[in-house]
């Protein structure tokens, strides 16, 4: 995928997620919608935690890639966009159950969006990130890491939409 396509995919995924986050008012943000679910605020916080780590990963140390720098993209897409698979988050990315502030979370998401898009536009995406390995995928290239963020965000955007469907309505801020 060309850099322009990746930029568009990533921007669209993040914009959609932010828009879905805006669908919840401050009170709804911290309501558990059904048993076994995270609150919308926890879903948003999970994405903030994850994407913050990816900002560090793609901007961190990198080395020349000794394989096709895009070989893991399709596997990542298949895994994250298969909604029949129930995934387990690594412990470090499980958000605390607490009251989240809607505006602070949305602002943090906008900052992360800009950082990821800047990385997409300015870094050599074919380099392999060498600061840490991702569970299941191992060391990934910057391109693969940025695709991971797009597909992961799309997955949780869908989760927010499903939560909104069952959420008691209040002042629904759009």
C-alpha atoms as a PDB file:
ATOM      1  CA  UNK A   1       0.000   0.000   0.000  1.00  0.00           C
ATOM      2  CA  UNK A   2       1.370   3.380  -0.972  1.00  0.00           C
ATOM      3  CA  UNK A   3       2.032   6.010   1.686  1.00  0.00           C
ATOM      4  CA  UNK A   4      -0.908   8.124   0.471  1.00  0.00           C
ATOM      5  CA  UNK A   5      -3.249   5.134   0.754  1.00  0.00           C
ATOM      6  CA  UNK A   6      -1.950   4.311   4.222  1.00  0.00           C
ATOM      7  CA  UNK A   7      -2.332   7.959   5.266  1.00  0.00           C
ATOM      8  CA  UNK A   8      -5.950   7.923   4.059  1.00  0.00           C
ATOM      9  CA  UNK A   9      -6.746   4.557   5.695  1.00  0.00           C
ATOM     10  CA  UNK A  10      -5.235   5.619   8.992  1.00  0.00           C
ATOM     11  CA  UNK A  11      -6.861   9.079   8.966  1.00  0.00           C
ATOM     12  CA  UNK A  12     -10.248   7.586   8.112  1.00  0.00           C
ATOM     13  CA  UNK A  13      -9.974   4.928  10.840  1.00  0.00           C
ATOM     14  CA  UNK A  14      -8.971   7.449  13.480  1.00  0.00           C
ATOM     15  CA  UNK A  15     -11.545  10.046  12.395  1.00  0.00           C
ATOM     16  CA  UNK A  16     -14.298   7.427  12.498  1.00  0.00           C
ATOM     17  CA  UNK A  17     -13.215   6.305  15.966  1.00  0.00           C
ATOM     18  CA  UNK A  18     -13.122   9.897  17.256  1.00  0.00           C
ATOM     19  CA  UNK A  19     -16.559  10.541  15.758  1.00  0.00           C
ATOM     20  CA  UNK A  20     -17.906   7.417  17.468  1.00  0.00           C
ATOM     21  CA  UNK A  21     -16.369   8.586  20.747  1.00  0.00           C
ATOM     22  CA  UNK A  22     -18.183  11.906  20.358  1.00  0.00           C
ATOM     23  CA  UNK A  23     -21.480   9.995  20.155  1.00  0.00           C
ATOM     24  CA  UNK A  24     -21.388   9.447  23.909  1.00  0.00           C
ATOM     25  CA  UNK A  25     -22.085  12.243  26.336  1.00  0.00           C
ATOM     26  CA  UNK A  26     -20.029  12.553  29.513  1.00  0.00           C
ATOM     27  CA  UNK A  27     -22.450  10.452  31.575  1.00  0.00           C
ATOM     28  CA  UNK A  28     -22.775   7.666  29.003  1.00  0.00           C
ATOM     29  CA  UNK A  29     -19.009   7.466  28.661  1.00  0.00           C
ATOM     30  CA  UNK A  30     -18.730   5.771  32.048  1.00  0.00           C
ATOM     31  CA  UNK A  31     -21.739   3.431  31.950  1.00  0.00           C
ATOM     32  CA  UNK A  32     -21.205  -0.310  31.606  1.00  0.00           C
ATOM     33  CA  UNK A  33     -23.635  -1.083  28.756  1.00  0.00           C
ATOM     34  CA  UNK A  34     -23.981  -4.825  29.408  1.00  0.00           C
ATOM     35  CA  UNK A  35     -22.362  -7.538  31.475  1.00  0.00           C
ATOM     36  CA  UNK A  36     -18.820  -8.325  30.419  1.00  0.00           C
ATOM     37  CA  UNK A  37     -18.396  -5.096  28.461  1.00  0.00           C
ATOM     38  CA  UNK A  38     -16.072  -2.192  28.931  1.00  0.00           C
ATOM     39  CA  UNK A  39     -17.553   1.272  29.277  1.00  0.00           C
ATOM     40  CA  UNK A  40     -17.195   3.505  26.202  1.00  0.00           C
ATOM     41  CA  UNK A  41     -14.554   5.425  28.184  1.00  0.00           C
ATOM     42  CA  UNK A  42     -12.585   2.214  28.719  1.00  0.00           C
ATOM     43  CA  UNK A  43     -12.743   1.373  24.996  1.00  0.00           C
ATOM     44  CA  UNK A  44     -11.437   4.838  24.171  1.00  0.00           C
ATOM     45  CA  UNK A  45      -8.743   4.565  26.843  1.00  0.00           C
ATOM     46  CA  UNK A  46      -7.683   1.179  25.459  1.00  0.00           C
ATOM     47  CA  UNK A  47      -7.157   2.775  22.043  1.00  0.00           C
ATOM     48  CA  UNK A  48      -5.291   5.699  23.620  1.00  0.00           C
ATOM     49  CA  UNK A  49      -2.963   3.302  25.456  1.00  0.00           C
ATOM     50  CA  UNK A  50      -2.416   1.156  22.388  1.00  0.00           C
ATOM     51  CA  UNK A  51      -1.911   3.982  19.915  1.00  0.00           C
ATOM     52  CA  UNK A  52       0.406   5.845  22.283  1.00  0.00           C
ATOM     53  CA  UNK A  53       2.602   2.759  22.320  1.00  0.00           C
ATOM     54  CA  UNK A  54       2.574   2.655  18.526  1.00  0.00           C
ATOM     55  CA  UNK A  55       3.580   6.311  18.309  1.00  0.00           C
ATOM     56  CA  UNK A  56       6.645   5.351  20.368  1.00  0.00           C
ATOM     57  CA  UNK A  57       7.220   2.161  18.373  1.00  0.00           C
ATOM     58  CA  UNK A  58       7.228   3.758  14.911  1.00  0.00           C
ATOM     59  CA  UNK A  59       9.274   6.753  16.045  1.00  0.00           C
ATOM     60  CA  UNK A  60      11.739   4.577  17.935  1.00  0.00           C
ATOM     61  CA  UNK A  61      14.789   2.688  16.733  1.00  0.00           C
ATOM     62  CA  UNK A  62      14.481   0.938  13.377  1.00  0.00           C
ATOM     63  CA  UNK A  63      16.711  -1.163  11.185  1.00  0.00           C
ATOM     64  CA  UNK A  64      16.814  -2.337   7.595  1.00  0.00           C
ATOM     65  CA  UNK A  65      14.206  -4.991   6.844  1.00  0.00           C
ATOM     66  CA  UNK A  66      15.395  -8.389   5.641  1.00  0.00           C
ATOM     67  CA  UNK A  67      12.013  -9.512   4.250  1.00  0.00           C
ATOM     68  CA  UNK A  68       9.047  -8.102   2.340  1.00  0.00           C
ATOM     69  CA  UNK A  69       8.220  -5.049   4.503  1.00  0.00           C
ATOM     70  CA  UNK A  70       4.502  -5.537   3.886  1.00  0.00           C
ATOM     71  CA  UNK A  71       4.196  -9.304   4.344  1.00  0.00           C
ATOM     72  CA  UNK A  72       2.301  -9.190   7.656  1.00  0.00           C
ATOM     73  CA  UNK A  73      -0.288  -6.573   6.656  1.00  0.00           C
ATOM     74  CA  UNK A  74      -2.840  -9.025   5.277  1.00  0.00           C
ATOM     75  CA  UNK A  75      -2.556 -11.294   8.336  1.00  0.00           C
ATOM     76  CA  UNK A  76      -3.035  -8.296  10.650  1.00  0.00           C
ATOM     77  CA  UNK A  77      -6.061  -7.172   8.604  1.00  0.00           C
ATOM     78  CA  UNK A  78      -7.589 -10.653   8.660  1.00  0.00           C
ATOM     79  CA  UNK A  79      -7.099 -11.006  12.414  1.00  0.00           C
ATOM     80  CA  UNK A  80      -8.440  -7.614  13.460  1.00  0.00           C
ATOM     81  CA  UNK A  81     -11.312  -7.364  10.989  1.00  0.00           C
ATOM     82  CA  UNK A  82     -12.613 -10.875  11.686  1.00  0.00           C
ATOM     83  CA  UNK A  83     -15.295  -9.929  14.169  1.00  0.00           C
ATOM     84  CA  UNK A  84     -16.028 -13.565  14.975  1.00  0.00           C
ATOM     85  CA  UNK A  85     -12.719 -13.741  16.833  1.00  0.00           C
ATOM     86  CA  UNK A  86     -12.800 -12.677  20.494  1.00  0.00           C
ATOM     87  CA  UNK A  87      -9.429 -11.166  21.307  1.00  0.00           C
ATOM     88  CA  UNK A  88      -7.706 -10.759  24.648  1.00  0.00           C
ATOM     89  CA  UNK A  89      -5.902  -7.519  25.303  1.00  0.00           C
ATOM     90  CA  UNK A  90      -2.447  -7.603  26.856  1.00  0.00           C
ATOM     91  CA  UNK A  91      -2.682  -6.731  30.545  1.00  0.00           C
ATOM     92  CA  UNK A  92      -0.854  -3.415  30.057  1.00  0.00           C
ATOM     93  CA  UNK A  93      -3.568  -2.252  27.621  1.00  0.00           C
ATOM     94  CA  UNK A  94      -6.556  -3.121  29.802  1.00  0.00           C
ATOM     95  CA  UNK A  95      -8.058   0.192  30.910  1.00  0.00           C
ATOM     96  CA  UNK A  96      -9.042   0.789  34.505  1.00  0.00           C
ATOM     97  CA  UNK A  97     -12.712   1.017  35.398  1.00  0.00           C
ATOM     98  CA  UNK A  98     -13.001   4.663  36.425  1.00  0.00           C
ATOM     99  CA  UNK A  99     -14.677   7.885  35.364  1.00  0.00           C
ATOM    100  CA  UNK A 100     -13.053   9.152  32.168  1.00  0.00           C
ATOM    101  CA  UNK A 101     -13.276  12.726  30.952  1.00  0.00           C
ATOM    102  CA  UNK A 102     -14.732  12.827  27.451  1.00  0.00           C
ATOM    103  CA  UNK A 103     -13.024  16.025  26.287  1.00  0.00           C
ATOM    104  CA  UNK A 104      -9.600  14.994  27.614  1.00  0.00           C
ATOM    105  CA  UNK A 105      -9.861  11.641  25.866  1.00  0.00           C
ATOM    106  CA  UNK A 106     -10.968  13.201  22.579  1.00  0.00           C
ATOM    107  CA  UNK A 107      -8.122  15.718  22.717  1.00  0.00           C
ATOM    108  CA  UNK A 108      -5.595  12.942  23.398  1.00  0.00           C
ATOM    109  CA  UNK A 109      -6.960  11.001  20.422  1.00  0.00           C
ATOM    110  CA  UNK A 110      -6.547  14.048  18.173  1.00  0.00           C
ATOM    111  CA  UNK A 111      -2.934  14.450  19.324  1.00  0.00           C
ATOM    112  CA  UNK A 112      -2.195  10.775  18.678  1.00  0.00           C
ATOM    113  CA  UNK A 113      -3.863  11.034  15.257  1.00  0.00           C
ATOM    114  CA  UNK A 114      -1.534  13.854  14.277  1.00  0.00           C
ATOM    115  CA  UNK A 115       1.537  12.018  15.561  1.00  0.00           C
ATOM    116  CA  UNK A 116       0.680   8.848  13.628  1.00  0.00           C
ATOM    117  CA  UNK A 117      -0.093  10.724  10.413  1.00  0.00           C
ATOM    118  CA  UNK A 118       3.154  12.689  10.711  1.00  0.00           C
ATOM    119  CA  UNK A 119       5.032   9.412  11.113  1.00  0.00           C
ATOM    120  CA  UNK A 120       3.236   7.996   8.069  1.00  0.00           C
ATOM    121  CA  UNK A 121       4.234  10.971   5.959  1.00  0.00           C
ATOM    122  CA  UNK A 122       7.817  11.460   7.131  1.00  0.00           C
ATOM    123  CA  UNK A 123       9.396   8.143   8.144  1.00  0.00           C
ATOM    124  CA  UNK A 124      10.825   5.313   6.048  1.00  0.00           C
ATOM    125  CA  UNK A 125       7.934   2.868   6.452  1.00  0.00           C
ATOM    126  CA  UNK A 126       9.926  -0.098   5.165  1.00  0.00           C
ATOM    127  CA  UNK A 127      12.264  -0.108   8.172  1.00  0.00           C
ATOM    128  CA  UNK A 128      11.680  -2.667  10.933  1.00  0.00           C
ATOM    129  CA  UNK A 129      10.835  -1.289  14.366  1.00  0.00           C
ATOM    130  CA  UNK A 130      13.380  -2.750  16.750  1.00  0.00           C
ATOM    131  CA  UNK A 131      12.360  -1.518  20.199  1.00  0.00           C
ATOM    132  CA  UNK A 132       9.987  -4.423  20.908  1.00  0.00           C
ATOM    133  CA  UNK A 133       8.152  -7.350  19.361  1.00  0.00           C
ATOM    134  CA  UNK A 134       4.382  -7.475  19.079  1.00  0.00           C
ATOM    135  CA  UNK A 135       2.677 -10.539  20.532  1.00  0.00           C
ATOM    136  CA  UNK A 136       1.919 -13.016  17.737  1.00  0.00           C
ATOM    137  CA  UNK A 137       3.486 -10.848  14.987  1.00  0.00           C
ATOM    138  CA  UNK A 138       7.050 -10.393  16.234  1.00  0.00           C
ATOM    139  CA  UNK A 139       9.063  -7.474  14.927  1.00  0.00           C
ATOM    140  CA  UNK A 140       7.058  -5.421  12.447  1.00  0.00           C
ATOM    141  CA  UNK A 141       7.917  -2.749   9.945  1.00  0.00           C
ATOM    142  CA  UNK A 142       6.625   0.773  10.414  1.00  0.00           C
ATOM    143  CA  UNK A 143       4.147   0.131   7.616  1.00  0.00           C
ATOM    144  CA  UNK A 144       2.855  -2.996   9.338  1.00  0.00           C
ATOM    145  CA  UNK A 145       2.679  -1.191  12.685  1.00  0.00           C
ATOM    146  CA  UNK A 146       0.660   1.673  11.191  1.00  0.00           C
ATOM    147  CA  UNK A 147      -1.672  -0.767   9.460  1.00  0.00           C
ATOM    148  CA  UNK A 148      -2.059  -2.539  12.811  1.00  0.00           C
ATOM    149  CA  UNK A 149      -3.196   0.747  14.366  1.00  0.00           C
ATOM    150  CA  UNK A 150      -5.719   1.330  11.572  1.00  0.00           C
ATOM    151  CA  UNK A 151      -7.245  -2.165  11.758  1.00  0.00           C
ATOM    152  CA  UNK A 152      -7.216  -2.250  15.562  1.00  0.00           C
ATOM    153  CA  UNK A 153      -8.939   1.133  15.659  1.00  0.00           C
ATOM    154  CA  UNK A 154     -11.536  -0.041  13.118  1.00  0.00           C
ATOM    155  CA  UNK A 155     -12.281  -3.049  15.304  1.00  0.00           C
ATOM    156  CA  UNK A 156     -12.902  -0.880  18.354  1.00  0.00           C
ATOM    157  CA  UNK A 157     -14.855   1.666  16.341  1.00  0.00           C
ATOM    158  CA  UNK A 158     -17.282  -1.142  15.575  1.00  0.00           C
ATOM    159  CA  UNK A 159     -17.346  -1.980  19.292  1.00  0.00           C
ATOM    160  CA  UNK A 160     -18.300   1.618  20.157  1.00  0.00           C
ATOM    161  CA  UNK A 161     -21.124   1.513  17.578  1.00  0.00           C
ATOM    162  CA  UNK A 162     -22.481  -1.682  19.138  1.00  0.00           C
ATOM    163  CA  UNK A 163     -22.311  -0.153  22.624  1.00  0.00           C
ATOM    164  CA  UNK A 164     -24.126   2.952  21.389  1.00  0.00           C
ATOM    165  CA  UNK A 165     -26.970   0.769  20.080  1.00  0.00           C
ATOM    166  CA  UNK A 166     -27.726  -0.472  23.606  1.00  0.00           C
ATOM    167  CA  UNK A 167     -26.820   2.682  25.540  1.00  0.00           C
ATOM    168  CA  UNK A 168     -29.630   4.495  27.342  1.00  0.00           C
ATOM    169  CA  UNK A 169     -29.990   7.819  25.529  1.00  0.00           C
ATOM    170  CA  UNK A 170     -29.337  11.115  27.223  1.00  0.00           C
ATOM    171  CA  UNK A 171     -28.249  14.285  25.507  1.00  0.00           C
ATOM    172  CA  UNK A 172     -26.406  12.457  22.661  1.00  0.00           C
ATOM    173  CA  UNK A 173     -23.683  14.915  21.713  1.00  0.00           C
ATOM    174  CA  UNK A 174     -22.664  14.616  18.058  1.00  0.00           C
END
